[in-house]
Structures are given as structure tokens and as C-alpha cells.
């Protein structure tokens, strides 16, 4: 009888240890995911060493893209729950771009295309060109009237 009791206790301990181990394994590995992608320019060329920033759930992480434009971040589900939006931005030599998505499984792919900023002339320069054009037009108009 003593052996049967010892065997039952050992079996219960073994089942408990296996259950706790499996639960711990799933807790550790099911709670994280990868955010990865590639940074390219508007012509589709890889952008090496771009500075990439990922933000989710109030957590911001920064990395440098590899020489082939690839980047990777790791987030836990505690840092970035599935319903939270992941925003990834990249910047290199004055060009910038962004992409966003949500976590869905073990990884999220968010490729980024960098665009050069469009130069918009200042109002003073535009006003100067318009004023100059009107002045020249007025000059020729007055000169034409003077001949008549």
C-alpha cells in the first residue's frame, strides 16, 4: 500500500511539472512577435543603413537597417497588444517614409518606401516672381500704348 501511495504522489507531481512546463513554454513563446520589413527608395532600390523607428502601445524602438535595407524589431504582446497599431517610420539622407499595421501571429511585415520631400517655394519668392511678371507686362503694355 505504501508503494502505491508513493507511486500516485510521484505521478501527480510528474503531471504537475509537465503541465507547468508546457504552460510556461507557451507563455514565453506565444507572447512575442517580430516586426520586420525592407526599406526602399521610390525607384525600388534598397536603402542601406536607414534609421528605422517602430512605435506600438506607447513603446518606441529604434534600429538601423542592414546593408540590404532589412530591419527587425521584437515586441511582446504585453508591449504591443494585437489591437494596437504598429507604426514604423524610416529616414535616410533627407528622405522619409512610413507604414503601419497590426500584429497577427508571430510576425508582421511592414515594408517602407522613402520619398524625398517636395520643395515648396516660400511665399516671398512666389510673390516676387508674380510682381516681376506683372511689372514687365505693364512696361510692354505702356510702351505699346505710347507708340499709338
C-alpha atoms as a PDB file:
ATOM      1  CA  UNK A   1       0.000   0.000   0.000  1.00  0.00           C
ATOM      2  CA  UNK A   2       2.863   2.345   0.825  1.00  0.00           C
ATOM      3  CA  UNK A   3       4.350   1.807  -2.655  1.00  0.00           C
ATOM      4  CA  UNK A   4       1.004   2.554  -4.365  1.00  0.00           C
ATOM      5  CA  UNK A   5       0.665   5.821  -2.430  1.00  0.00           C
ATOM      6  CA  UNK A   6       4.226   6.833  -3.314  1.00  0.00           C
ATOM      7  CA  UNK A   7       3.578   5.969  -6.996  1.00  0.00           C
ATOM      8  CA  UNK A   8       0.379   8.040  -7.043  1.00  0.00           C
ATOM      9  CA  UNK A   9       2.141  11.034  -5.469  1.00  0.00           C
ATOM     10  CA  UNK A  10       5.024  10.743  -7.932  1.00  0.00           C
ATOM     11  CA  UNK A  11       2.574  10.541 -10.845  1.00  0.00           C
ATOM     12  CA  UNK A  12       0.696  13.637  -9.628  1.00  0.00           C
ATOM     13  CA  UNK A  13       3.996  15.550  -9.249  1.00  0.00           C
ATOM     14  CA  UNK A  14       5.120  14.474 -12.712  1.00  0.00           C
ATOM     15  CA  UNK A  15       1.835  15.554 -14.313  1.00  0.00           C
ATOM     16  CA  UNK A  16       2.003  18.879 -12.451  1.00  0.00           C
ATOM     17  CA  UNK A  17       5.586  19.522 -13.589  1.00  0.00           C
ATOM     18  CA  UNK A  18       4.763  18.696 -17.201  1.00  0.00           C
ATOM     19  CA  UNK A  19       1.678  20.934 -17.126  1.00  0.00           C
ATOM     20  CA  UNK A  20       3.588  23.849 -15.604  1.00  0.00           C
ATOM     21  CA  UNK A  21       6.432  23.356 -18.085  1.00  0.00           C
ATOM     22  CA  UNK A  22       4.086  23.327 -21.077  1.00  0.00           C
ATOM     23  CA  UNK A  23       2.218  26.353 -19.766  1.00  0.00           C
ATOM     24  CA  UNK A  24       5.488  28.243 -19.195  1.00  0.00           C
ATOM     25  CA  UNK A  25       6.752  27.295 -22.662  1.00  0.00           C
ATOM     26  CA  UNK A  26       3.577  28.544 -24.353  1.00  0.00           C
ATOM     27  CA  UNK A  27       3.528  31.662 -22.179  1.00  0.00           C
ATOM     28  CA  UNK A  28       7.069  32.642 -23.152  1.00  0.00           C
ATOM     29  CA  UNK A  29       6.899  31.848 -26.854  1.00  0.00           C
ATOM     30  CA  UNK A  30       3.306  32.753 -27.721  1.00  0.00           C
ATOM     31  CA  UNK A  31       3.628  36.220 -26.225  1.00  0.00           C
ATOM     32  CA  UNK A  32       6.145  37.771 -28.606  1.00  0.00           C
ATOM     33  CA  UNK A  33       6.261  38.635 -32.285  1.00  0.00           C
ATOM     34  CA  UNK A  34       8.570  40.168 -34.832  1.00  0.00           C
ATOM     35  CA  UNK A  35       8.062  43.340 -36.854  1.00  0.00           C
ATOM     36  CA  UNK A  36      10.230  43.232 -39.949  1.00  0.00           C
ATOM     37  CA  UNK A  37      10.472  44.725 -43.375  1.00  0.00           C
ATOM     38  CA  UNK A  38      12.639  46.326 -46.002  1.00  0.00           C
ATOM     39  CA  UNK A  39      13.414  49.988 -46.639  1.00  0.00           C
ATOM     40  CA  UNK A  40      13.495  51.025 -50.305  1.00  0.00           C
ATOM     41  CA  UNK A  41      13.542  54.273 -52.241  1.00  0.00           C
ATOM     42  CA  UNK A  42      10.824  55.386 -54.681  1.00  0.00           C
ATOM     43  CA  UNK A  43      12.647  53.570 -57.517  1.00  0.00           C
ATOM     44  CA  UNK A  44      12.597  50.252 -55.624  1.00  0.00           C
ATOM     45  CA  UNK A  45      16.292  50.260 -54.662  1.00  0.00           C
ATOM     46  CA  UNK A  46      17.313  49.041 -51.208  1.00  0.00           C
ATOM     47  CA  UNK A  47      18.220  51.813 -48.759  1.00  0.00           C
ATOM     48  CA  UNK A  48      21.080  50.590 -46.561  1.00  0.00           C
ATOM     49  CA  UNK A  49      21.559  51.854 -43.008  1.00  0.00           C
ATOM     50  CA  UNK A  50      18.316  53.853 -42.824  1.00  0.00           C
ATOM     51  CA  UNK A  51      17.231  54.767 -39.289  1.00  0.00           C
ATOM     52  CA  UNK A  52      14.014  52.841 -38.563  1.00  0.00           C
ATOM     53  CA  UNK A  53      11.647  53.575 -35.664  1.00  0.00           C
ATOM     54  CA  UNK A  54       8.769  51.336 -34.532  1.00  0.00           C
ATOM     55  CA  UNK A  55       6.079  52.534 -32.110  1.00  0.00           C
ATOM     56  CA  UNK A  56       3.322  50.451 -30.546  1.00  0.00           C
ATOM     57  CA  UNK A  57       1.465  50.555 -27.252  1.00  0.00           C
ATOM     58  CA  UNK A  58       3.468  53.551 -26.059  1.00  0.00           C
ATOM     59  CA  UNK A  59       6.772  51.712 -26.652  1.00  0.00           C
ATOM     60  CA  UNK A  60       9.235  53.138 -29.201  1.00  0.00           C
ATOM     61  CA  UNK A  61      12.181  51.160 -30.541  1.00  0.00           C
ATOM     62  CA  UNK A  62      14.904  52.372 -32.915  1.00  0.00           C
ATOM     63  CA  UNK A  63      17.303  50.399 -35.105  1.00  0.00           C
ATOM     64  CA  UNK A  64      19.440  50.788 -38.206  1.00  0.00           C
ATOM     65  CA  UNK A  65      18.517  48.849 -41.345  1.00  0.00           C
ATOM     66  CA  UNK A  66      21.100  46.393 -42.607  1.00  0.00           C
ATOM     67  CA  UNK A  67      23.136  46.928 -45.765  1.00  0.00           C
ATOM     68  CA  UNK A  68      20.343  45.325 -47.823  1.00  0.00           C
ATOM     69  CA  UNK A  69      17.628  47.554 -46.295  1.00  0.00           C
ATOM     70  CA  UNK A  70      16.141  44.889 -43.988  1.00  0.00           C
ATOM     71  CA  UNK A  71      15.189  45.693 -40.383  1.00  0.00           C
ATOM     72  CA  UNK A  72      13.712  43.707 -37.484  1.00  0.00           C
ATOM     73  CA  UNK A  73      12.089  44.572 -34.140  1.00  0.00           C
ATOM     74  CA  UNK A  74      10.818  42.261 -31.401  1.00  0.00           C
ATOM     75  CA  UNK A  75       7.746  43.172 -29.351  1.00  0.00           C
ATOM     76  CA  UNK A  76       5.974  41.245 -26.631  1.00  0.00           C
ATOM     77  CA  UNK A  77       2.175  41.136 -26.657  1.00  0.00           C
ATOM     78  CA  UNK A  78       2.320  42.986 -23.341  1.00  0.00           C
ATOM     79  CA  UNK A  79       4.168  45.866 -25.042  1.00  0.00           C
ATOM     80  CA  UNK A  80       2.023  45.789 -28.179  1.00  0.00           C
ATOM     81  CA  UNK A  81      -1.379  44.086 -27.878  1.00  0.00           C
ATOM     82  CA  UNK A  82      -2.885  42.762 -31.131  1.00  0.00           C
ATOM     83  CA  UNK A  83      -5.452  45.558 -31.384  1.00  0.00           C
ATOM     84  CA  UNK A  84      -2.795  48.298 -31.134  1.00  0.00           C
ATOM     85  CA  UNK A  85      -1.440  49.843 -34.316  1.00  0.00           C
ATOM     86  CA  UNK A  86       2.254  49.421 -35.100  1.00  0.00           C
ATOM     87  CA  UNK A  87       3.726  52.488 -36.817  1.00  0.00           C
ATOM     88  CA  UNK A  88       7.102  52.093 -38.499  1.00  0.00           C
ATOM     89  CA  UNK A  89       8.996  55.058 -39.958  1.00  0.00           C
ATOM     90  CA  UNK A  90      12.338  55.251 -41.731  1.00  0.00           C
ATOM     91  CA  UNK A  91      14.657  58.112 -42.585  1.00  0.00           C
ATOM     92  CA  UNK A  92      17.795  58.361 -44.704  1.00  0.00           C
ATOM     93  CA  UNK A  93      19.582  61.337 -46.244  1.00  0.00           C
ATOM     94  CA  UNK A  94      16.589  63.679 -46.011  1.00  0.00           C
ATOM     95  CA  UNK A  95      14.074  61.151 -47.375  1.00  0.00           C
ATOM     96  CA  UNK A  96      11.449  59.575 -45.162  1.00  0.00           C
ATOM     97  CA  UNK A  97       8.554  57.136 -45.265  1.00  0.00           C
ATOM     98  CA  UNK A  98       6.247  55.131 -43.028  1.00  0.00           C
ATOM     99  CA  UNK A  99       3.891  52.170 -42.859  1.00  0.00           C
ATOM    100  CA  UNK A 100       1.543  50.737 -40.246  1.00  0.00           C
ATOM    101  CA  UNK A 101      -0.336  47.579 -39.352  1.00  0.00           C
ATOM    102  CA  UNK A 102      -1.419  45.299 -36.503  1.00  0.00           C
ATOM    103  CA  UNK A 103       0.173  42.192 -35.053  1.00  0.00           C
ATOM    104  CA  UNK A 104      -1.303  38.959 -36.328  1.00  0.00           C
ATOM    105  CA  UNK A 105       0.688  35.977 -35.216  1.00  0.00           C
ATOM    106  CA  UNK A 106       4.424  35.566 -34.906  1.00  0.00           C
ATOM    107  CA  UNK A 107       5.494  38.322 -37.298  1.00  0.00           C
ATOM    108  CA  UNK A 108       4.334  41.449 -39.129  1.00  0.00           C
ATOM    109  CA  UNK A 109       5.886  42.583 -42.419  1.00  0.00           C
ATOM    110  CA  UNK A 110       5.850  46.352 -42.938  1.00  0.00           C
ATOM    111  CA  UNK A 111       7.928  47.459 -45.931  1.00  0.00           C
ATOM    112  CA  UNK A 112       8.712  51.171 -46.175  1.00  0.00           C
ATOM    113  CA  UNK A 113       9.202  53.352 -49.266  1.00  0.00           C
ATOM    114  CA  UNK A 114      11.222  56.530 -48.752  1.00  0.00           C
ATOM    115  CA  UNK A 115      10.187  59.687 -50.584  1.00  0.00           C
ATOM    116  CA  UNK A 116      12.238  62.840 -50.936  1.00  0.00           C
ATOM    117  CA  UNK A 117      10.415  65.879 -49.557  1.00  0.00           C
ATOM    118  CA  UNK A 118       8.892  68.143 -52.192  1.00  0.00           C
ATOM    119  CA  UNK A 119      10.376  71.619 -52.103  1.00  0.00           C
ATOM    120  CA  UNK A 120       7.673  74.275 -51.875  1.00  0.00           C
ATOM    121  CA  UNK A 121       8.880  77.803 -52.588  1.00  0.00           C
ATOM    122  CA  UNK A 122       8.378  80.369 -49.916  1.00  0.00           C
ATOM    123  CA  UNK A 123       5.555  82.860 -50.360  1.00  0.00           C
ATOM    124  CA  UNK A 124       8.039  85.732 -50.709  1.00  0.00           C
ATOM    125  CA  UNK A 125       9.732  84.093 -53.703  1.00  0.00           C
ATOM    126  CA  UNK A 126       6.380  83.363 -55.390  1.00  0.00           C
ATOM    127  CA  UNK A 127       5.142  86.894 -54.750  1.00  0.00           C
ATOM    128  CA  UNK A 128       8.410  88.285 -56.152  1.00  0.00           C
ATOM    129  CA  UNK A 129       8.053  86.306 -59.387  1.00  0.00           C
ATOM    130  CA  UNK A 130       4.426  87.386 -59.816  1.00  0.00           C
ATOM    131  CA  UNK A 131       5.293  91.035 -59.131  1.00  0.00           C
ATOM    132  CA  UNK A 132       8.158  90.902 -61.620  1.00  0.00           C
ATOM    133  CA  UNK A 133       5.959  89.346 -64.317  1.00  0.00           C
ATOM    134  CA  UNK A 134       3.229  91.951 -63.788  1.00  0.00           C
ATOM    135  CA  UNK A 135       5.804  94.760 -63.912  1.00  0.00           C
ATOM    136  CA  UNK A 136       7.317  93.531 -67.173  1.00  0.00           C
ATOM    137  CA  UNK A 137       3.865  93.028 -68.673  1.00  0.00           C
ATOM    138  CA  UNK A 138       2.836  96.544 -67.625  1.00  0.00           C
ATOM    139  CA  UNK A 139       6.008  98.020 -69.098  1.00  0.00           C
ATOM    140  CA  UNK A 140       5.400  96.454 -72.505  1.00  0.00           C
ATOM    141  CA  UNK A 141       1.715  97.400 -72.415  1.00  0.00           C
ATOM    142  CA  UNK A 142       2.538 101.049 -71.646  1.00  0.00           C
ATOM    143  CA  UNK A 143       5.284 101.061 -74.293  1.00  0.00           C
ATOM    144  CA  UNK A 144       2.787  99.749 -76.878  1.00  0.00           C
ATOM    145  CA  UNK A 145       0.245 102.452 -75.934  1.00  0.00           C
ATOM    146  CA  UNK A 146       2.930 105.126 -76.214  1.00  0.00           C
ATOM    147  CA  UNK A 147       3.568 104.198 -79.872  1.00  0.00           C
ATOM    148  CA  UNK A 148      -0.064 104.584 -80.737  1.00  0.00           C
END
